[in-house]
Amino acid sequence: TERFYIEHLFGLEKQSSFTYQVNNYTYPAYVTVTTIKTLFMMSEKDLLQKTIETIENEARSQGLLLDNVSRISGERQINNLHRTMYVIFNGTDEVDGERIKIIGETWNCGLSGTSVICIGFAQVTDFSNGKTGENLVNWAAILRDEVGTFVKLYNGDTIFKGDGLIYNVKCH
């Protein structure tokens, strides 16, 4: 678990990040939650665009090739009753060919005056150890929610229904 905190603009902008790692060496996964508090909240459209840019820049720096054709975006309601906007990418590690999945999910919390960006990453293959197919267990732990928003996307797999990491982020 990592924490990061910065202040800008004479204390008028504050940003903090918290990263939660799923302890699984074969299929690494993590979620980073970043809160941004400014004098005025960002528009949700700008917040989502900033999230997409962050994902693209990080992917490039980590040697991950994102598949923009597979990109999915949508909205859902999370446990704290906020409506969120999300974008999901499939990708490939350019070095070892492992498949990865990334979600960026954003919302503004009027109660706390905070903008929230969640980025989840999961490696879903383990070709280096001779395993074929995808293991979506850690990916599901990041995505799932009580209504099963992503069940249909993953061929009716019920591991995508229940308490998920992003679904339970608290911002107020």
C-alpha atoms as a PDB file:
ATOM      1  CA  THR A   1       0.000   0.000   0.000  1.00  0.00           C
ATOM      2  CA  GLU A   2       1.344   3.401  -0.999  1.00  0.00           C
ATOM      3  CA  ARG A   3       0.242   6.949  -0.146  1.00  0.00           C
ATOM      4  CA  PHE A   4       1.157  10.142  -1.981  1.00  0.00           C
ATOM      5  CA  TYR A   5       0.204  13.747  -1.191  1.00  0.00           C
ATOM      6  CA  ILE A   6       0.949  17.076  -2.941  1.00  0.00           C
ATOM      7  CA  GLU A   7      -0.212  20.695  -2.691  1.00  0.00           C
ATOM      8  CA  HIS A   8      -0.195  23.293  -5.484  1.00  0.00           C
ATOM      9  CA  LEU A   9      -1.270  26.882  -6.073  1.00  0.00           C
ATOM     10  CA  PHE A  10      -0.471  28.176  -2.597  1.00  0.00           C
ATOM     11  CA  GLY A  11      -2.528  25.431  -0.995  1.00  0.00           C
ATOM     12  CA  LEU A  12      -5.587  25.992  -3.201  1.00  0.00           C
ATOM     13  CA  GLU A  13      -5.163  22.604  -4.887  1.00  0.00           C
ATOM     14  CA  LYS A  14      -4.567  19.420  -2.940  1.00  0.00           C
ATOM     15  CA  GLN A  15      -4.090  15.965  -4.343  1.00  0.00           C
ATOM     16  CA  SER A  16      -3.608  12.677  -2.575  1.00  0.00           C
ATOM     17  CA  SER A  17      -3.326   9.117  -3.872  1.00  0.00           C
ATOM     18  CA  PHE A  18      -3.670   5.735  -2.254  1.00  0.00           C
ATOM     19  CA  THR A  19      -2.749   2.478  -4.003  1.00  0.00           C
ATOM     20  CA  TYR A  20      -4.192  -0.876  -2.977  1.00  0.00           C
ATOM     21  CA  GLN A  21      -2.399  -3.953  -4.335  1.00  0.00           C
ATOM     22  CA  VAL A  22      -4.019  -7.361  -4.663  1.00  0.00           C
ATOM     23  CA  ASN A  23      -1.473  -9.815  -3.246  1.00  0.00           C
ATOM     24  CA  ASN A  24      -1.076 -12.199  -6.132  1.00  0.00           C
ATOM     25  CA  TYR A  25       2.321 -12.586  -7.784  1.00  0.00           C
ATOM     26  CA  THR A  26       1.031 -14.587 -10.754  1.00  0.00           C
ATOM     27  CA  TYR A  27      -1.750 -12.151 -11.663  1.00  0.00           C
ATOM     28  CA  PRO A  28      -0.769  -8.736 -10.244  1.00  0.00           C
ATOM     29  CA  ALA A  29      -3.535  -6.184  -9.796  1.00  0.00           C
ATOM     30  CA  TYR A  30      -3.947  -2.842  -8.092  1.00  0.00           C
ATOM     31  CA  VAL A  31      -6.268   0.138  -7.732  1.00  0.00           C
ATOM     32  CA  THR A  32      -5.062   3.685  -7.251  1.00  0.00           C
ATOM     33  CA  VAL A  33      -7.540   6.193  -5.830  1.00  0.00           C
ATOM     34  CA  THR A  34      -6.637   9.843  -6.339  1.00  0.00           C
ATOM     35  CA  THR A  35      -8.600  12.687  -4.795  1.00  0.00           C
ATOM     36  CA  ILE A  36      -8.246  16.216  -6.099  1.00  0.00           C
ATOM     37  CA  LYS A  37      -9.549  19.187  -4.153  1.00  0.00           C
ATOM     38  CA  THR A  38      -9.444  22.566  -5.852  1.00  0.00           C
ATOM     39  CA  LEU A  39     -11.218  25.870  -5.399  1.00  0.00           C
ATOM     40  CA  PHE A  40     -13.616  24.738  -8.155  1.00  0.00           C
ATOM     41  CA  MET A  41     -14.264  21.092  -9.040  1.00  0.00           C
ATOM     42  CA  MET A  42     -13.312  19.945 -12.522  1.00  0.00           C
ATOM     43  CA  SER A  43     -16.121  19.138 -14.940  1.00  0.00           C
ATOM     44  CA  GLU A  44     -16.781  15.402 -15.075  1.00  0.00           C
ATOM     45  CA  LYS A  45     -15.967  15.368 -18.791  1.00  0.00           C
ATOM     46  CA  ASP A  46     -12.566  17.009 -18.127  1.00  0.00           C
ATOM     47  CA  LEU A  47     -11.983  14.629 -15.232  1.00  0.00           C
ATOM     48  CA  LEU A  48     -12.577  11.594 -17.461  1.00  0.00           C
ATOM     49  CA  GLN A  49     -10.313  13.048 -20.172  1.00  0.00           C
ATOM     50  CA  LYS A  50      -7.539  13.590 -17.592  1.00  0.00           C
ATOM     51  CA  THR A  51      -7.997   9.970 -16.489  1.00  0.00           C
ATOM     52  CA  ILE A  52      -7.703   8.677 -20.059  1.00  0.00           C
ATOM     53  CA  GLU A  53      -4.557  10.762 -20.622  1.00  0.00           C
ATOM     54  CA  THR A  54      -3.054   9.425 -17.386  1.00  0.00           C
ATOM     55  CA  ILE A  55      -3.784   5.831 -18.433  1.00  0.00           C
ATOM     56  CA  GLU A  56      -2.300   6.374 -21.902  1.00  0.00           C
ATOM     57  CA  ASN A  57       0.846   8.064 -20.535  1.00  0.00           C
ATOM     58  CA  GLU A  58       1.404   5.428 -17.840  1.00  0.00           C
ATOM     59  CA  ALA A  59       0.832   2.604 -20.319  1.00  0.00           C
ATOM     60  CA  ARG A  60       3.398   4.109 -22.670  1.00  0.00           C
ATOM     61  CA  SER A  61       5.970   4.532 -19.893  1.00  0.00           C
ATOM     62  CA  GLN A  62       5.383   0.951 -18.644  1.00  0.00           C
ATOM     63  CA  GLY A  63       5.701  -0.608 -22.116  1.00  0.00           C
ATOM     64  CA  LEU A  64       2.020  -1.498 -22.404  1.00  0.00           C
ATOM     65  CA  LEU A  65       0.255  -1.368 -25.746  1.00  0.00           C
ATOM     66  CA  LEU A  66      -3.394  -0.315 -25.348  1.00  0.00           C
ATOM     67  CA  ASP A  67      -6.013  -1.677 -27.740  1.00  0.00           C
ATOM     68  CA  ASN A  68      -8.203   1.352 -28.482  1.00  0.00           C
ATOM     69  CA  VAL A  69     -10.570  -0.778 -30.581  1.00  0.00           C
ATOM     70  CA  SER A  70     -11.598  -2.713 -27.446  1.00  0.00           C
ATOM     71  CA  ARG A  71     -12.138   0.476 -25.439  1.00  0.00           C
ATOM     72  CA  ILE A  72     -15.475   0.525 -23.596  1.00  0.00           C
ATOM     73  CA  SER A  73     -16.988   3.453 -21.747  1.00  0.00           C
ATOM     74  CA  GLY A  74     -20.103   3.914 -19.688  1.00  0.00           C
ATOM     75  CA  GLU A  75     -21.650   5.051 -16.438  1.00  0.00           C
ATOM     76  CA  ARG A  76     -22.757   3.317 -13.252  1.00  0.00           C
ATOM     77  CA  GLN A  77     -23.770   4.038  -9.678  1.00  0.00           C
ATOM     78  CA  ILE A  78     -21.390   3.001  -6.909  1.00  0.00           C
ATOM     79  CA  ASN A  79     -22.065   2.148  -3.262  1.00  0.00           C
ATOM     80  CA  ASN A  80     -21.873   5.769  -2.038  1.00  0.00           C
ATOM     81  CA  LEU A  81     -24.676   6.575  -4.553  1.00  0.00           C
ATOM     82  CA  HIS A  82     -22.485   8.661  -6.872  1.00  0.00           C
ATOM     83  CA  ARG A  83     -22.912   8.286 -10.635  1.00  0.00           C
ATOM     84  CA  THR A  84     -19.534   7.570 -12.181  1.00  0.00           C
ATOM     85  CA  MET A  85     -18.064   7.583 -15.665  1.00  0.00           C
ATOM     86  CA  TYR A  86     -15.671   4.809 -16.628  1.00  0.00           C
ATOM     87  CA  VAL A  87     -13.460   3.693 -19.489  1.00  0.00           C
ATOM     88  CA  ILE A  88     -11.966   0.202 -19.872  1.00  0.00           C
ATOM     89  CA  PHE A  89      -8.956  -0.729 -21.994  1.00  0.00           C
ATOM     90  CA  ASN A  90      -7.476  -4.091 -22.946  1.00  0.00           C
ATOM     91  CA  GLY A  91      -3.741  -4.099 -23.481  1.00  0.00           C
ATOM     92  CA  THR A  92      -0.613  -6.145 -23.938  1.00  0.00           C
ATOM     93  CA  ASP A  93       2.774  -5.984 -22.248  1.00  0.00           C
ATOM     94  CA  GLU A  94       5.176  -5.332 -25.135  1.00  0.00           C
ATOM     95  CA  VAL A  95       7.998  -7.296 -23.468  1.00  0.00           C
ATOM     96  CA  ASP A  96       6.402 -10.604 -22.476  1.00  0.00           C
ATOM     97  CA  GLY A  97       3.044 -10.490 -24.299  1.00  0.00           C
ATOM     98  CA  GLU A  98       0.941 -10.808 -21.138  1.00  0.00           C
ATOM     99  CA  ARG A  99      -2.597  -9.415 -21.443  1.00  0.00           C
ATOM    100  CA  ILE A 100      -3.735  -6.672 -19.109  1.00  0.00           C
ATOM    101  CA  LYS A 101      -6.958  -4.812 -18.410  1.00  0.00           C
ATOM    102  CA  ILE A 102      -7.244  -1.241 -17.152  1.00  0.00           C
ATOM    103  CA  ILE A 103     -10.218   0.762 -15.891  1.00  0.00           C
ATOM    104  CA  GLY A 104     -10.379   4.478 -15.228  1.00  0.00           C
ATOM    105  CA  GLU A 105     -13.423   5.616 -13.251  1.00  0.00           C
ATOM    106  CA  THR A 106     -14.227   9.164 -12.131  1.00  0.00           C
ATOM    107  CA  TRP A 107     -16.782  11.234 -10.275  1.00  0.00           C
ATOM    108  CA  ASN A 108     -17.219  14.486  -8.395  1.00  0.00           C
ATOM    109  CA  CYS A 109     -18.301  14.413  -4.766  1.00  0.00           C
ATOM    110  CA  GLY A 110     -20.303  17.547  -4.008  1.00  0.00           C
ATOM    111  CA  LEU A 111     -20.466  16.736  -0.280  1.00  0.00           C
ATOM    112  CA  SER A 112     -16.687  16.855   0.122  1.00  0.00           C
ATOM    113  CA  GLY A 113     -15.909  19.168  -2.818  1.00  0.00           C
ATOM    114  CA  THR A 114     -13.534  16.524  -4.157  1.00  0.00           C
ATOM    115  CA  SER A 115     -12.943  15.050  -7.602  1.00  0.00           C
ATOM    116  CA  VAL A 116     -12.080  11.339  -7.542  1.00  0.00           C
ATOM    117  CA  ILE A 117     -10.078   9.322 -10.079  1.00  0.00           C
ATOM    118  CA  CYS A 118      -9.734   5.549  -9.696  1.00  0.00           C
ATOM    119  CA  ILE A 119      -7.428   3.579 -11.964  1.00  0.00           C
ATOM    120  CA  GLY A 120      -7.456  -0.205 -11.747  1.00  0.00           C
ATOM    121  CA  PHE A 121      -4.962  -2.518 -13.458  1.00  0.00           C
ATOM    122  CA  ALA A 122      -4.906  -6.311 -13.667  1.00  0.00           C
ATOM    123  CA  GLN A 123      -2.702  -8.769 -15.505  1.00  0.00           C
ATOM    124  CA  VAL A 124      -5.059 -11.518 -16.678  1.00  0.00           C
ATOM    125  CA  THR A 125      -2.680 -14.007 -18.348  1.00  0.00           C
ATOM    126  CA  ASP A 126       0.390 -15.948 -17.245  1.00  0.00           C
ATOM    127  CA  PHE A 127       1.965 -17.133 -20.494  1.00  0.00           C
ATOM    128  CA  SER A 128       5.451 -17.035 -18.946  1.00  0.00           C
ATOM    129  CA  ASN A 129       4.484 -20.018 -16.756  1.00  0.00           C
ATOM    130  CA  GLY A 130       2.840 -21.937 -19.586  1.00  0.00           C
ATOM    131  CA  LYS A 131      -0.745 -21.113 -18.614  1.00  0.00           C
ATOM    132  CA  THR A 132      -3.265 -20.418 -21.360  1.00  0.00           C
ATOM    133  CA  GLY A 133      -6.480 -18.463 -21.132  1.00  0.00           C
ATOM    134  CA  GLU A 134      -7.401 -15.538 -18.936  1.00  0.00           C
ATOM    135  CA  ASN A 135      -7.791 -15.465 -15.153  1.00  0.00           C
ATOM    136  CA  LEU A 136     -10.285 -12.690 -14.361  1.00  0.00           C
ATOM    137  CA  VAL A 137     -10.552 -13.158 -10.575  1.00  0.00           C
ATOM    138  CA  ASN A 138      -8.465 -10.110  -9.587  1.00  0.00           C
ATOM    139  CA  TRP A 139      -9.966  -8.038 -12.408  1.00  0.00           C
ATOM    140  CA  ALA A 140     -13.438  -8.891 -11.088  1.00  0.00           C
ATOM    141  CA  ALA A 141     -12.373  -7.832  -7.561  1.00  0.00           C
ATOM    142  CA  ILE A 142     -11.673  -4.373  -8.996  1.00  0.00           C
ATOM    143  CA  LEU A 143     -14.821  -4.046 -11.156  1.00  0.00           C
ATOM    144  CA  ARG A 144     -17.695  -5.824  -9.465  1.00  0.00           C
ATOM    145  CA  ASP A 145     -20.712  -4.078  -8.027  1.00  0.00           C
ATOM    146  CA  GLU A 146     -23.983  -5.150  -6.412  1.00  0.00           C
ATOM    147  CA  VAL A 147     -26.052  -4.862  -9.606  1.00  0.00           C
ATOM    148  CA  GLY A 148     -23.550  -6.720 -11.784  1.00  0.00           C
ATOM    149  CA  THR A 149     -22.855  -3.907 -14.249  1.00  0.00           C
ATOM    150  CA  PHE A 150     -20.055  -5.904 -15.910  1.00  0.00           C
ATOM    151  CA  VAL A 151     -21.563  -9.435 -15.785  1.00  0.00           C
ATOM    152  CA  LYS A 152     -22.949  -9.237 -19.326  1.00  0.00           C
ATOM    153  CA  LEU A 153     -19.681  -7.798 -20.676  1.00  0.00           C
ATOM    154  CA  TYR A 154     -17.862 -10.908 -19.409  1.00  0.00           C
ATOM    155  CA  ASN A 155     -20.295 -13.518 -20.780  1.00  0.00           C
ATOM    156  CA  GLY A 156     -22.518 -13.781 -17.727  1.00  0.00           C
ATOM    157  CA  ASP A 157     -19.672 -14.514 -15.310  1.00  0.00           C
ATOM    158  CA  THR A 158     -21.161 -13.901 -11.851  1.00  0.00           C
ATOM    159  CA  ILE A 159     -17.754 -13.167 -10.291  1.00  0.00           C
ATOM    160  CA  PHE A 160     -18.450  -9.620 -11.533  1.00  0.00           C
ATOM    161  CA  LYS A 161     -21.363  -9.200  -9.101  1.00  0.00           C
ATOM    162  CA  GLY A 162     -20.796  -8.284  -5.444  1.00  0.00           C
ATOM    163  CA  ASP A 163     -18.568  -5.938  -3.463  1.00  0.00           C
ATOM    164  CA  GLY A 164     -15.755  -4.525  -5.580  1.00  0.00           C
ATOM    165  CA  LEU A 165     -12.835  -2.255  -4.774  1.00  0.00           C
ATOM    166  CA  ILE A 166     -13.877   0.799  -6.818  1.00  0.00           C
ATOM    167  CA  TYR A 167     -17.553   0.243  -5.986  1.00  0.00           C
ATOM    168  CA  ASN A 168     -16.746   0.763  -2.284  1.00  0.00           C
ATOM    169  CA  VAL A 169     -14.494   3.849  -2.492  1.00  0.00           C
ATOM    170  CA  LYS A 170     -15.591   6.396   0.101  1.00  0.00           C
ATOM    171  CA  CYS A 171     -15.177  10.092  -0.648  1.00  0.00           C
ATOM    172  CA  HIS A 172     -17.283  11.700   2.092  1.00  0.00           C
END
